[in-house]
């Protein structure tokens, strides 16, 4: 049996590992100090039992467990915690934990838990059929081929038409998170699990990684379920588990499987009309965040693309949303903000006009003068003389 110990306190995880290795010499014990390190172990090793700290910085133990159990049903979980709070224990058990152990962990208790779980695993263990193993490998091969195909890469002798026959009509689901998000691998994994579970329960299809920040799903929703209802379920689940800004895009109903690469390019270029942009919390307004960022950094090079990336939005959609929210175009808003500050600075006779221009983000005095004159019909020098 392979065991993983996940705890951000090195002394505890190494102590648990040492106790297990001494009592069960035939078992392999791995350790991880965070949810992200744990994911690396899950990807590379077959784990049957996890001892999981409930409270860790970043992604908590319960969040990791909740995400993992959707696709790793066979793993057994034992939660360890320094807190005797009933709510924590109740939530852990609801998510499927077999036990809830308080720190410090007694060696006898640890040995007892492992012995019990090992016996249960051996009692119910069934050899996977050759067909099951083949299906498992075919699933990953199909997704790897699909990923290469949508990027326009060579897929060798693989016949994509075999996959195409399963989808006479379908929708594409595209989810992207910003590269600045901490623990990106964990968030990527959470999205994959949420989408996979919803695709399996609301129709048929699959989810494949598009790149480090994005995933693409192909789904044929079942009769009686609309794509808008499906979007709402995605929104609800990702809002609960992801807790970072992200971007959700859905295609209209499609019939041509061969057109998927071009449809994906539309996603990337902001040409898809049915786009929902979701943020951390349902009511948080990304444009308000962008406006605050602009006010705090107006003296810097504030390109549309840069500010859009701050709030994880497509630049084209961000521009449209910004004007709708503020009543003014993005470029005009930045100019107006800078010139209002320039007027205040020009009231200080000790500041040279070149200094004023530099402080509001214009390092070319002639360009600053042209922009100022266009806005107020007078030059900065003339404005100062009128004060």
Protein backbone atom coordinates (compact mmCIF):
# COMPACT_ATOMS: atom_id res chain seq x y z
CA UNK A 1 0.00 0.00 0.00
CA UNK A 2 1.27 3.46 -0.93
CA UNK A 3 0.61 6.19 1.62
CA UNK A 4 0.86 9.97 1.25
CA UNK A 5 1.27 12.27 4.26
CA UNK A 6 0.26 15.88 3.53
CA UNK A 7 1.12 18.44 6.22
CA UNK A 8 2.75 21.86 6.00
CA UNK A 9 4.67 21.14 9.24
CA UNK A 10 7.76 19.15 8.28
CA UNK A 11 8.29 17.75 11.80
CA UNK A 12 4.81 16.21 11.80
CA UNK A 13 4.86 14.72 8.30
CA UNK A 14 8.33 13.25 8.78
CA UNK A 15 7.31 11.89 12.18
CA UNK A 16 4.23 10.19 10.74
CA UNK A 17 6.31 8.81 7.87
CA UNK A 18 8.92 7.41 10.26
CA UNK A 19 6.27 5.73 12.44
CA UNK A 20 4.59 4.08 9.43
CA UNK A 21 7.88 2.83 7.97
CA UNK A 22 8.92 1.31 11.26
CA UNK A 23 5.62 -0.50 11.78
CA UNK A 24 4.86 -1.42 8.15
CA UNK A 25 8.11 -2.04 6.33
CA UNK A 26 6.31 -3.26 3.19
CA UNK A 27 4.59 0.09 2.64
CA UNK A 28 5.86 3.04 0.63
CA UNK A 29 5.37 6.46 2.28
CA UNK A 30 5.45 9.76 0.40
CA UNK A 31 5.23 13.25 1.90
CA UNK A 32 4.03 16.65 0.70
CA UNK A 33 4.11 20.07 2.37
CA UNK A 34 1.27 21.61 0.37
CA UNK A 35 -1.66 20.76 -1.88
CA UNK A 36 0.44 21.51 -4.95
CA UNK A 37 3.19 19.12 -3.86
CA UNK A 38 0.52 16.52 -3.15
CA UNK A 39 -0.78 16.84 -6.72
CA UNK A 40 2.69 16.10 -8.04
CA UNK A 41 2.71 12.87 -6.03
CA UNK A 42 -0.79 11.93 -7.24
CA UNK A 43 0.31 12.41 -10.84
CA UNK A 44 3.39 10.22 -10.52
CA UNK A 45 2.39 7.57 -7.97
CA UNK A 46 -0.54 5.30 -7.25
CA UNK A 47 -1.74 6.30 -3.77
CA UNK A 48 -4.19 4.25 -1.73
CA UNK A 49 -4.23 6.15 1.58
CA UNK A 50 -3.74 9.83 2.45
CA UNK A 51 -3.15 11.37 5.87
CA UNK A 52 -4.19 14.98 5.33
CA UNK A 53 -3.73 18.09 7.46
CA UNK A 54 -7.02 19.97 7.50
CA UNK A 55 -5.48 23.47 7.75
CA UNK A 56 -2.70 24.43 5.34
CA UNK A 57 -1.72 27.75 3.75
CA UNK A 58 -3.25 28.32 0.31
CA UNK A 59 -5.43 25.36 -0.64
CA UNK A 60 -6.67 23.67 2.53
CA UNK A 61 -6.77 19.95 3.13
CA UNK A 62 -10.55 19.86 2.77
CA UNK A 63 -10.39 21.72 -0.55
CA UNK A 64 -7.81 19.25 -1.86
CA UNK A 65 -9.85 16.30 -0.68
CA UNK A 66 -13.03 17.71 -2.21
CA UNK A 67 -11.34 18.19 -5.59
CA UNK A 68 -9.53 14.84 -5.60
CA UNK A 69 -12.44 12.62 -4.64
CA UNK A 70 -14.28 13.43 -7.85
CA UNK A 71 -11.79 11.51 -9.99
CA UNK A 72 -9.85 9.39 -7.46
CA UNK A 73 -12.71 7.48 -5.87
CA UNK A 74 -10.59 4.62 -4.56
CA UNK A 75 -8.29 6.72 -2.35
CA UNK A 76 -8.91 6.46 1.40
CA UNK A 77 -8.60 9.66 3.45
CA UNK A 78 -7.73 10.22 7.09
CA UNK A 79 -7.82 13.83 8.28
CA UNK A 80 -5.40 15.05 10.94
CA UNK A 81 -5.92 18.33 12.74
CA UNK A 82 -4.92 20.41 15.74
CA UNK A 83 -8.55 21.53 16.04
CA UNK A 84 -11.27 19.57 17.82
CA UNK A 85 -13.98 21.74 16.19
CA UNK A 86 -16.98 19.56 15.40
CA UNK A 87 -17.69 21.50 12.17
CA UNK A 88 -14.30 20.54 10.75
CA UNK A 89 -14.81 16.89 11.65
CA UNK A 90 -18.35 16.91 10.25
CA UNK A 91 -17.20 18.38 6.93
CA UNK A 92 -14.29 15.94 6.68
CA UNK A 93 -16.58 12.97 7.24
CA UNK A 94 -19.13 14.36 4.78
CA UNK A 95 -16.41 14.47 2.14
CA UNK A 96 -15.60 10.83 2.79
CA UNK A 97 -12.83 10.81 5.39
CA UNK A 98 -12.58 7.50 7.24
CA UNK A 99 -11.28 9.07 10.43
CA UNK A 100 -10.50 12.40 12.09
CA UNK A 101 -7.35 12.31 14.24
CA UNK A 102 -6.25 15.10 16.55
CA UNK A 103 -2.63 16.19 16.88
CA UNK A 104 -0.34 15.12 18.41
CA UNK A 105 -0.88 11.77 16.71
CA UNK A 106 -0.28 8.74 18.92
CA UNK A 107 1.78 5.96 17.35
CA UNK A 108 -0.65 3.30 18.51
CA UNK A 109 -3.61 5.13 16.96
CA UNK A 110 -1.70 5.54 13.71
CA UNK A 111 -0.84 1.84 13.53
CA UNK A 112 -4.43 0.89 14.36
CA UNK A 113 -5.90 3.09 11.58
CA UNK A 114 -3.48 1.78 8.95
CA UNK A 115 -4.01 -1.86 9.91
CA UNK A 116 -7.79 -1.47 9.67
CA UNK A 117 -7.66 0.26 6.29
CA UNK A 118 -5.16 -2.25 4.90
CA UNK A 119 -7.43 -5.12 5.91
CA UNK A 120 -10.45 -3.47 4.28
CA UNK A 121 -8.54 -2.80 1.08
CA UNK A 122 -7.33 -6.39 0.87
CA UNK A 123 -10.83 -7.71 1.59
CA UNK A 124 -12.55 -5.79 -1.20
CA UNK A 125 -9.66 -5.65 -3.67
CA UNK A 126 -10.62 -6.74 -7.15
CA UNK A 127 -8.31 -7.14 -10.05
CA UNK A 128 -9.02 -4.65 -12.77
CA UNK A 129 -9.96 -6.37 -16.02
CA UNK A 130 -7.79 -5.98 -19.09
CA UNK A 131 -10.68 -4.11 -20.69
CA UNK A 132 -10.81 -1.62 -17.82
CA UNK A 133 -7.09 -0.95 -18.02
CA UNK A 134 -7.30 -0.53 -21.78
CA UNK A 135 -10.21 1.92 -21.47
CA UNK A 136 -8.24 3.92 -18.92
CA UNK A 137 -5.24 4.25 -21.21
CA UNK A 138 -7.40 4.96 -24.26
CA UNK A 139 -9.04 7.85 -22.41
CA UNK A 140 -5.71 9.58 -21.82
CA UNK A 141 -4.47 8.79 -25.32
CA UNK A 142 -7.63 10.29 -26.83
CA UNK A 143 -7.27 13.49 -24.82
CA UNK A 144 -3.57 13.78 -25.68
CA UNK A 145 -4.34 13.37 -29.40
CA UNK A 146 -7.22 15.86 -29.17
CA UNK A 147 -4.94 18.40 -27.48
CA UNK A 148 -2.39 18.12 -30.30
CA UNK A 149 -5.13 18.31 -32.93
CA UNK A 150 -6.70 21.55 -31.67
CA UNK A 151 -3.22 23.12 -31.65
CA UNK A 152 -2.71 22.12 -35.28
CA UNK A 153 0.02 19.58 -34.48
CA UNK A 154 0.60 16.24 -36.18
CA UNK A 155 -1.48 13.37 -34.76
CA UNK A 156 0.16 10.62 -36.79
CA UNK A 157 -2.13 7.77 -37.83
CA UNK A 158 -4.83 8.54 -35.28
CA UNK A 159 -8.21 8.92 -37.01
CA UNK A 160 -10.08 11.83 -35.41
CA UNK A 161 -13.29 10.70 -37.14
CA UNK A 162 -13.62 7.90 -34.58
CA UNK A 163 -14.04 10.56 -31.92
CA UNK A 164 -16.18 12.72 -34.19
CA UNK A 165 -18.90 10.06 -34.50
CA UNK A 166 -19.76 10.50 -30.81
CA UNK A 167 -20.68 14.17 -31.29
CA UNK A 168 -23.30 14.99 -33.93
CA UNK A 169 -23.95 18.25 -32.06
CA UNK A 170 -22.12 19.74 -29.11
CA UNK A 171 -20.94 22.83 -27.23
CA UNK A 172 -17.39 23.85 -26.37
CA UNK A 173 -16.57 24.98 -22.84
CA UNK A 174 -13.39 26.97 -22.34
CA UNK A 175 -12.13 27.95 -18.86
CA UNK A 176 -9.04 30.06 -18.32
CA UNK A 177 -7.37 31.37 -15.17
CA UNK A 178 -4.67 34.05 -15.04
CA UNK A 179 -1.02 33.05 -14.94
CA UNK A 180 -0.54 35.24 -11.84
CA UNK A 181 -2.82 33.03 -9.74
CA UNK A 182 -0.91 31.27 -6.99
CA UNK A 183 -0.92 27.46 -6.97
CA UNK A 184 -1.91 27.41 -10.63
CA UNK A 185 -1.54 23.62 -10.91
CA UNK A 186 -4.01 23.06 -8.08
CA UNK A 187 -6.57 25.45 -9.61
CA UNK A 188 -6.13 23.78 -13.00
CA UNK A 189 -6.77 20.41 -11.37
CA UNK A 190 -9.91 21.70 -9.60
CA UNK A 191 -11.34 23.02 -12.89
CA UNK A 192 -10.64 19.70 -14.61
CA UNK A 193 -12.44 17.76 -11.89
CA UNK A 194 -15.45 20.08 -11.78
CA UNK A 195 -15.90 20.09 -15.56
CA UNK A 196 -15.40 16.33 -15.85
CA UNK A 197 -18.01 15.61 -13.19
CA UNK A 198 -20.58 17.98 -14.71
CA UNK A 199 -20.00 16.67 -18.23
CA UNK A 200 -20.56 13.11 -17.01
CA UNK A 201 -23.74 13.98 -15.10
CA UNK A 202 -25.35 16.37 -17.60
CA UNK A 203 -24.57 14.66 -20.88
CA UNK A 204 -21.54 13.09 -22.48
CA UNK A 205 -18.17 14.43 -23.54
CA UNK A 206 -14.71 14.97 -22.18
CA UNK A 207 -12.32 17.62 -20.87
CA UNK A 208 -8.75 18.16 -22.07
CA UNK A 209 -5.98 20.49 -20.99
CA UNK A 210 -5.50 23.27 -23.56
CA UNK A 211 -2.45 24.90 -22.01
CA UNK A 212 -1.04 25.64 -18.56
CA UNK A 213 -3.83 28.13 -17.77
CA UNK A 214 -6.78 26.75 -19.76
CA UNK A 215 -8.99 23.72 -20.24
CA UNK A 216 -11.36 22.87 -23.07
CA UNK A 217 -14.44 20.71 -22.74
CA UNK A 218 -16.55 19.10 -25.46
CA UNK A 219 -20.06 18.37 -24.21
CA UNK A 220 -23.34 17.19 -25.69
CA UNK A 221 -25.82 18.07 -22.96
CA UNK A 222 -28.64 15.64 -22.33
CA UNK A 223 -32.22 16.32 -23.33
CA UNK A 224 -33.93 18.77 -21.00
CA UNK A 225 -30.68 20.56 -20.04
CA UNK A 226 -29.86 23.85 -21.74
CA UNK A 227 -26.37 25.19 -22.18
CA UNK A 228 -27.31 28.17 -19.98
CA UNK A 229 -28.28 25.79 -17.16
CA UNK A 230 -25.02 23.95 -17.69
CA UNK A 231 -23.10 27.26 -17.48
CA UNK A 232 -24.88 28.11 -14.25
CA UNK A 233 -23.83 24.81 -12.70
CA UNK A 234 -20.24 25.41 -13.75
CA UNK A 235 -20.45 28.91 -12.27
CA UNK A 236 -21.85 27.56 -9.01
CA UNK A 237 -19.25 24.82 -8.59
CA UNK A 238 -16.23 26.84 -9.65
CA UNK A 239 -17.33 29.72 -7.43
CA UNK A 240 -17.38 27.32 -4.50
CA UNK A 241 -14.09 25.51 -5.10
CA UNK A 242 -11.88 27.78 -7.21
CA UNK A 243 -12.04 31.09 -5.31
CA UNK A 244 -9.90 33.02 -7.81
CA UNK A 245 -10.84 35.13 -10.85
CA UNK A 246 -11.36 33.09 -13.99
CA UNK A 247 -12.88 33.35 -17.44
CA UNK A 248 -15.62 31.06 -18.77
CA UNK A 249 -16.51 30.93 -22.46
CA UNK A 250 -19.13 28.75 -24.13
CA UNK A 251 -19.81 28.26 -27.81
CA UNK A 252 -23.20 28.17 -29.51
CA UNK A 253 -24.44 24.74 -30.57
CA UNK A 254 -22.00 23.28 -33.10
CA UNK A 255 -22.39 20.43 -35.59
CA UNK A 256 -19.00 20.32 -37.33
CA UNK A 257 -16.40 18.57 -35.20
CA UNK A 258 -13.69 19.48 -37.69
CA UNK A 259 -14.35 23.17 -36.95
CA UNK A 260 -13.25 22.91 -33.31
CA UNK A 261 -9.73 24.37 -33.86
CA UNK A 262 -11.19 27.46 -35.57
CA UNK A 263 -13.83 27.84 -32.85
CA UNK A 264 -11.09 27.72 -30.21
CA UNK A 265 -9.25 30.49 -32.05
CA UNK A 266 -12.42 32.57 -31.77
CA UNK A 267 -12.31 32.05 -28.01
CA UNK A 268 -8.72 33.26 -27.90
CA UNK A 269 -9.43 36.29 -30.08
CA UNK A 270 -12.56 37.37 -28.20
CA UNK A 271 -14.94 36.73 -31.10
CA UNK A 272 -17.41 34.51 -29.24
CA UNK A 273 -20.55 36.40 -28.28
CA UNK A 274 -21.85 34.10 -25.53
CA UNK A 275 -19.13 34.81 -22.99
CA UNK A 276 -19.47 34.91 -19.23
CA UNK A 277 -16.64 36.34 -17.19
CA UNK A 278 -16.64 35.21 -13.61
CA UNK A 279 -14.70 36.61 -10.70
CA UNK A 280 -13.90 35.78 -7.11
CA UNK A 281 -17.41 35.82 -5.71
CA UNK A 282 -20.52 36.28 -7.81
CA UNK A 283 -21.06 39.97 -7.04
CA UNK A 284 -17.54 41.28 -7.38
CA UNK A 285 -17.25 43.73 -10.25
CA UNK A 286 -14.06 43.36 -12.24
CA UNK A 287 -14.36 46.82 -13.78
CA UNK A 288 -14.36 48.39 -10.31
CA UNK A 289 -11.14 46.50 -9.61
CA UNK A 290 -9.67 47.72 -12.90
CA UNK A 291 -10.64 51.34 -12.19
CA UNK A 292 -8.99 51.18 -8.78
CA UNK A 293 -5.86 49.71 -10.35
CA UNK A 294 -5.77 52.50 -12.94
CA UNK A 295 -6.14 55.18 -10.25
CA UNK A 296 -3.26 53.69 -8.30
CA UNK A 297 -0.97 53.25 -11.32
CA UNK A 298 -1.98 55.93 -13.85
CA UNK A 299 1.60 57.19 -14.10
CA UNK A 300 2.77 53.85 -15.51
CA UNK A 301 2.41 52.41 -19.01
CA UNK A 302 -1.21 51.31 -18.76
CA UNK A 303 -1.95 49.52 -22.00
CA UNK A 304 -5.41 48.05 -22.44
CA UNK A 305 -3.91 44.56 -22.57
CA UNK A 306 -2.03 45.03 -19.31
CA UNK A 307 -5.05 46.20 -17.31
CA UNK A 308 -7.28 43.52 -18.85
CA UNK A 309 -4.77 40.90 -17.71
CA UNK A 310 -4.90 42.26 -14.16
CA UNK A 311 -8.57 41.25 -13.93
CA UNK A 312 -8.15 38.14 -16.12
CA UNK A 313 -10.36 39.35 -18.96
CA UNK A 314 -10.03 39.17 -22.72
CA UNK A 315 -8.87 42.69 -23.88
CA UNK A 316 -11.66 43.05 -26.46
CA UNK A 317 -14.39 42.12 -24.00
CA UNK A 318 -12.75 44.19 -21.25
CA UNK A 319 -12.84 47.27 -23.50
CA UNK A 320 -16.54 46.78 -24.21
CA UNK A 321 -17.39 46.11 -20.58
CA UNK A 322 -15.32 49.08 -19.39
CA UNK A 323 -17.18 51.54 -21.64
CA UNK A 324 -20.52 50.05 -20.67
CA UNK A 325 -19.72 50.43 -16.97
CA UNK A 326 -18.02 53.85 -16.97
CA UNK A 327 -19.66 55.52 -19.96
CA UNK A 328 -16.26 56.34 -21.45
CA UNK A 329 -13.71 54.44 -23.52
CA UNK A 330 -10.68 52.98 -21.77
CA UNK A 331 -8.11 55.22 -23.50
CA UNK A 332 -10.15 58.38 -22.91
CA UNK A 333 -10.63 57.44 -19.26
CA UNK A 334 -6.87 57.12 -18.68
CA UNK A 335 -6.18 60.41 -20.47
CA UNK A 336 -8.86 62.19 -18.47
CA UNK A 337 -7.50 60.83 -15.19
CA UNK A 338 -3.95 61.89 -16.06
CA UNK A 339 -4.92 65.38 -17.17
CA UNK A 340 -6.99 66.03 -14.05
CA UNK A 341 -3.91 65.17 -12.02
CA UNK A 342 -1.80 67.37 -14.31
CA UNK A 343 -4.02 70.37 -13.56
CA UNK A 344 -3.50 69.82 -9.85
CA UNK A 345 0.26 69.52 -10.26
CA UNK A 346 0.46 72.64 -12.46
CA UNK A 347 -0.87 74.63 -9.54
CA UNK A 348 2.50 74.06 -7.86
CA UNK A 349 4.86 76.73 -9.30
CA UNK A 350 7.92 74.81 -8.07
CA UNK A 351 7.29 71.96 -10.49
CA UNK A 352 8.60 72.21 -14.03
CA UNK A 353 6.17 71.26 -16.76
CA UNK A 354 8.47 68.39 -17.76
CA UNK A 355 8.23 67.13 -14.17
CA UNK A 356 4.44 67.35 -14.26
CA UNK A 357 4.35 65.40 -17.52
CA UNK A 358 6.65 62.70 -16.12
CA UNK A 359 4.60 62.29 -12.94
CA UNK A 360 1.43 61.52 -14.88
CA UNK A 361 3.02 59.07 -17.31
CA UNK A 362 4.05 61.30 -20.23
CA UNK A 363 7.81 61.26 -20.80
CA UNK A 364 7.62 63.23 -24.04
CA UNK A 365 6.82 66.88 -23.23
CA UNK A 366 5.57 67.55 -26.75
CA UNK A 367 3.13 64.66 -26.60
CA UNK A 368 1.90 65.84 -23.21
CA UNK A 369 1.36 69.36 -24.55
CA UNK A 370 -0.57 68.05 -27.57
CA UNK A 371 -2.84 65.90 -25.42
CA UNK A 372 -3.43 68.76 -22.96
CA UNK A 373 -4.21 71.26 -25.74
CA UNK A 374 -6.61 68.85 -27.44
CA UNK A 375 -8.52 68.41 -24.18
CA UNK A 376 -8.58 72.02 -22.90
CA UNK A 377 -7.77 74.11 -26.01
CA UNK A 378 -4.81 75.70 -24.22
CA UNK A 379 -1.25 74.60 -23.44
CA UNK A 380 -0.06 73.59 -19.95
CA UNK A 381 1.94 76.86 -19.74
CA UNK A 382 -1.12 78.92 -20.61
CA UNK A 383 -3.18 77.02 -18.05
CA UNK A 384 -0.58 77.73 -15.36
CA UNK A 385 -0.52 81.43 -16.22
CA UNK A 386 -4.27 81.60 -15.63
CA UNK A 387 -4.01 80.29 -12.06
